């Protein structure tokens, strides 16, 4: 769960360095291109309070596979997007997966880790959540400069498939 949260949280900020490329490829204004990032954050913010409800209704396995699958679908849609609207729809699907798994990991840690080890694991989790967006911006700029913005989403597609396979195993 922590590894998958790391990957999904990197997705949060990874596109910010590619806004100029999105503007060029989709003939969009900076305001329109910024929605690829803003919509993601908005949906994550909406999903977080719903996780308490979701965590009472579904098992960890169902939550994991649903959130990773919806993130995977969003990544594929983003990769093949031919308009900014389609890209934003893909980003919204990615955000749903991220918005579910990110707070659920905290719930899972508090349920499964003995209370005397909470500080260690919550500190590790906080480090992941704090550093992943910074790494996302750095990696995003590097990948976009060398390969283009679509390759960001091929990375997420491959990484999510690997995590889903490991989850099945």
Protein backbone atom coordinates (compact mmCIF):
# COMPACT_ATOMS: atom_id res chain seq x y z
CA UNK A 1 0.00 0.00 0.00
CA UNK A 2 2.80 2.44 0.82
CA UNK A 3 4.57 1.74 -2.48
CA UNK A 4 1.35 2.22 -4.44
CA UNK A 5 0.62 5.43 -2.53
CA UNK A 6 4.10 6.67 -3.43
CA UNK A 7 3.49 6.10 -7.14
CA UNK A 8 0.02 7.63 -7.05
CA UNK A 9 1.15 10.66 -5.08
CA UNK A 10 3.96 11.33 -7.56
CA UNK A 11 1.20 11.69 -10.17
CA UNK A 12 -0.18 14.63 -8.25
CA UNK A 13 2.43 17.16 -9.37
CA UNK A 14 4.19 15.45 -12.23
CA UNK A 15 2.30 17.30 -14.95
CA UNK A 16 3.03 20.80 -13.62
CA UNK A 17 6.29 21.06 -15.53
CA UNK A 18 4.51 20.06 -18.73
CA UNK A 19 1.85 22.78 -18.75
CA UNK A 20 3.66 24.66 -21.55
CA UNK A 21 3.77 21.50 -23.67
CA UNK A 22 0.06 20.87 -23.08
CA UNK A 23 -0.68 24.44 -24.13
CA UNK A 24 1.26 23.88 -27.35
CA UNK A 25 -0.08 20.40 -28.18
CA UNK A 26 -3.71 21.23 -27.45
CA UNK A 27 -3.70 24.91 -28.50
CA UNK A 28 -4.90 25.82 -25.02
CA UNK A 29 -4.41 28.83 -22.78
CA UNK A 30 -2.38 28.56 -19.60
CA UNK A 31 -5.61 28.68 -17.60
CA UNK A 32 -7.07 25.77 -19.54
CA UNK A 33 -3.88 23.70 -19.32
CA UNK A 34 -3.64 24.38 -15.58
CA UNK A 35 -6.90 22.43 -15.14
CA UNK A 36 -4.94 19.21 -15.75
CA UNK A 37 -3.36 19.87 -12.35
CA UNK A 38 -6.15 21.74 -10.57
CA UNK A 39 -8.83 19.16 -11.40
CA UNK A 40 -6.59 16.44 -9.97
CA UNK A 41 -6.19 18.26 -6.65
CA UNK A 42 -9.88 19.16 -6.49
CA UNK A 43 -10.97 15.54 -6.95
CA UNK A 44 -8.43 14.28 -4.39
CA UNK A 45 -9.84 16.80 -1.92
CA UNK A 46 -13.38 15.58 -2.58
CA UNK A 47 -12.44 11.90 -2.31
CA UNK A 48 -10.57 12.07 1.01
CA UNK A 49 -13.67 12.56 3.22
CA UNK A 50 -15.47 9.74 1.37
CA UNK A 51 -12.78 7.23 2.35
CA UNK A 52 -14.18 6.85 5.87
CA UNK A 53 -17.46 5.67 4.31
CA UNK A 54 -15.66 3.47 1.75
CA UNK A 55 -13.42 1.87 4.38
CA UNK A 56 -16.46 0.68 6.36
CA UNK A 57 -18.17 -0.82 3.34
CA UNK A 58 -15.39 -2.60 1.46
CA UNK A 59 -12.43 -4.83 2.22
CA UNK A 60 -8.83 -3.69 1.86
CA UNK A 61 -8.43 -5.90 -1.18
CA UNK A 62 -11.42 -4.35 -2.97
CA UNK A 63 -10.28 -0.81 -2.10
CA UNK A 64 -6.73 -1.53 -3.31
CA UNK A 65 -7.77 -3.09 -6.61
CA UNK A 66 -10.44 -0.50 -7.32
CA UNK A 67 -8.23 2.50 -6.62
CA UNK A 68 -5.30 1.07 -8.58
CA UNK A 69 -7.54 0.03 -11.48
CA UNK A 70 -9.22 3.42 -11.75
CA UNK A 71 -5.78 5.06 -11.61
CA UNK A 72 -4.59 2.71 -14.37
CA UNK A 73 -7.61 3.55 -16.53
CA UNK A 74 -6.93 7.26 -16.01
CA UNK A 75 -3.28 6.83 -16.97
CA UNK A 76 -4.18 5.01 -20.19
CA UNK A 77 -6.75 7.68 -21.08
CA UNK A 78 -4.17 10.42 -20.44
CA UNK A 79 -1.59 8.68 -22.62
CA UNK A 80 -3.97 8.39 -25.57
CA UNK A 81 -5.72 11.75 -25.05
CA UNK A 82 -6.25 13.75 -28.20
CA UNK A 83 -7.72 16.82 -26.50
CA UNK A 84 -7.26 18.67 -23.26
CA UNK A 85 -10.74 17.64 -22.08
CA UNK A 86 -9.88 13.96 -22.49
CA UNK A 87 -6.61 14.52 -20.63
CA UNK A 88 -8.48 16.20 -17.77
CA UNK A 89 -10.95 13.29 -17.62
CA UNK A 90 -8.00 10.90 -17.35
CA UNK A 91 -6.48 13.05 -14.61
CA UNK A 92 -9.79 13.00 -12.75
CA UNK A 93 -9.80 9.19 -12.84
CA UNK A 94 -6.22 9.16 -11.60
CA UNK A 95 -7.23 11.49 -8.78
CA UNK A 96 -10.08 9.21 -7.72
CA UNK A 97 -7.60 6.37 -7.27
CA UNK A 98 -5.14 8.60 -5.44
CA UNK A 99 -7.84 10.21 -3.30
CA UNK A 100 -9.01 6.81 -2.10
CA UNK A 101 -5.72 5.05 -1.47
CA UNK A 102 -3.82 7.94 0.10
CA UNK A 103 -6.01 8.36 3.22
CA UNK A 104 -6.90 4.66 3.33
CA UNK A 105 -3.27 3.80 3.99
CA UNK A 106 -3.46 5.85 7.19
CA UNK A 107 -6.58 3.95 8.26
CA UNK A 108 -4.92 0.65 7.41
CA UNK A 109 -1.74 1.54 9.30
CA UNK A 110 -3.69 2.47 12.41
CA UNK A 111 -5.71 -0.76 12.18
CA UNK A 112 -2.83 -3.16 11.57
CA UNK A 113 0.22 -1.70 13.34
CA UNK A 114 0.59 -2.01 17.11
CA UNK A 115 0.09 1.35 18.83
CA UNK A 116 3.70 1.53 20.05
CA UNK A 117 4.92 1.52 16.41
CA UNK A 118 2.47 4.12 15.07
CA UNK A 119 5.04 6.94 15.20
CA UNK A 120 7.51 5.04 13.03
CA UNK A 121 5.04 4.02 10.36
CA UNK A 122 3.11 7.29 10.32
CA UNK A 123 6.44 9.12 10.05
CA UNK A 124 7.43 6.94 7.10
CA UNK A 125 4.04 7.51 5.52
CA UNK A 126 4.28 11.27 6.11
CA UNK A 127 7.70 11.25 4.45
CA UNK A 128 6.24 9.51 1.41
CA UNK A 129 3.32 11.93 1.17
CA UNK A 130 5.59 14.95 1.67
CA UNK A 131 8.39 14.02 -0.71
CA UNK A 132 6.49 12.31 -3.54
CA UNK A 133 5.03 15.52 -5.04
CA UNK A 134 8.49 17.12 -5.04
CA UNK A 135 9.95 14.07 -6.76
CA UNK A 136 7.03 14.20 -9.19
CA UNK A 137 7.85 17.72 -10.32
CA UNK A 138 11.53 16.87 -10.72
CA UNK A 139 10.91 13.63 -12.59
CA UNK A 140 8.18 15.24 -14.67
CA UNK A 141 10.51 17.95 -15.90
CA UNK A 142 13.23 15.44 -16.68
CA UNK A 143 10.96 13.01 -18.55
CA UNK A 144 9.08 15.72 -20.43
CA UNK A 145 12.30 17.36 -21.59
CA UNK A 146 13.73 14.09 -22.88
CA UNK A 147 10.69 12.16 -24.09
CA UNK A 148 7.52 14.28 -23.99
CA UNK A 149 4.57 14.50 -21.63
CA UNK A 150 2.83 11.31 -22.81
CA UNK A 151 5.68 9.20 -21.47
CA UNK A 152 4.75 10.26 -17.95
CA UNK A 153 1.54 8.34 -18.35
CA UNK A 154 3.22 5.30 -19.89
CA UNK A 155 5.37 5.16 -16.75
CA UNK A 156 2.26 5.26 -14.55
CA UNK A 157 0.57 2.62 -16.68
CA UNK A 158 3.51 0.22 -16.40
CA UNK A 159 4.11 0.92 -12.70
CA UNK A 160 0.43 0.42 -11.87
CA UNK A 161 0.27 -2.86 -13.77
CA UNK A 162 3.34 -4.12 -11.88
CA UNK A 163 1.80 -3.08 -8.54
CA UNK A 164 -1.51 -4.75 -9.44
CA UNK A 165 0.30 -7.98 -10.37
CA UNK A 166 2.24 -7.87 -7.10
CA UNK A 167 -1.05 -7.24 -5.28
CA UNK A 168 -2.56 -10.33 -6.89
CA UNK A 169 0.45 -12.43 -5.94
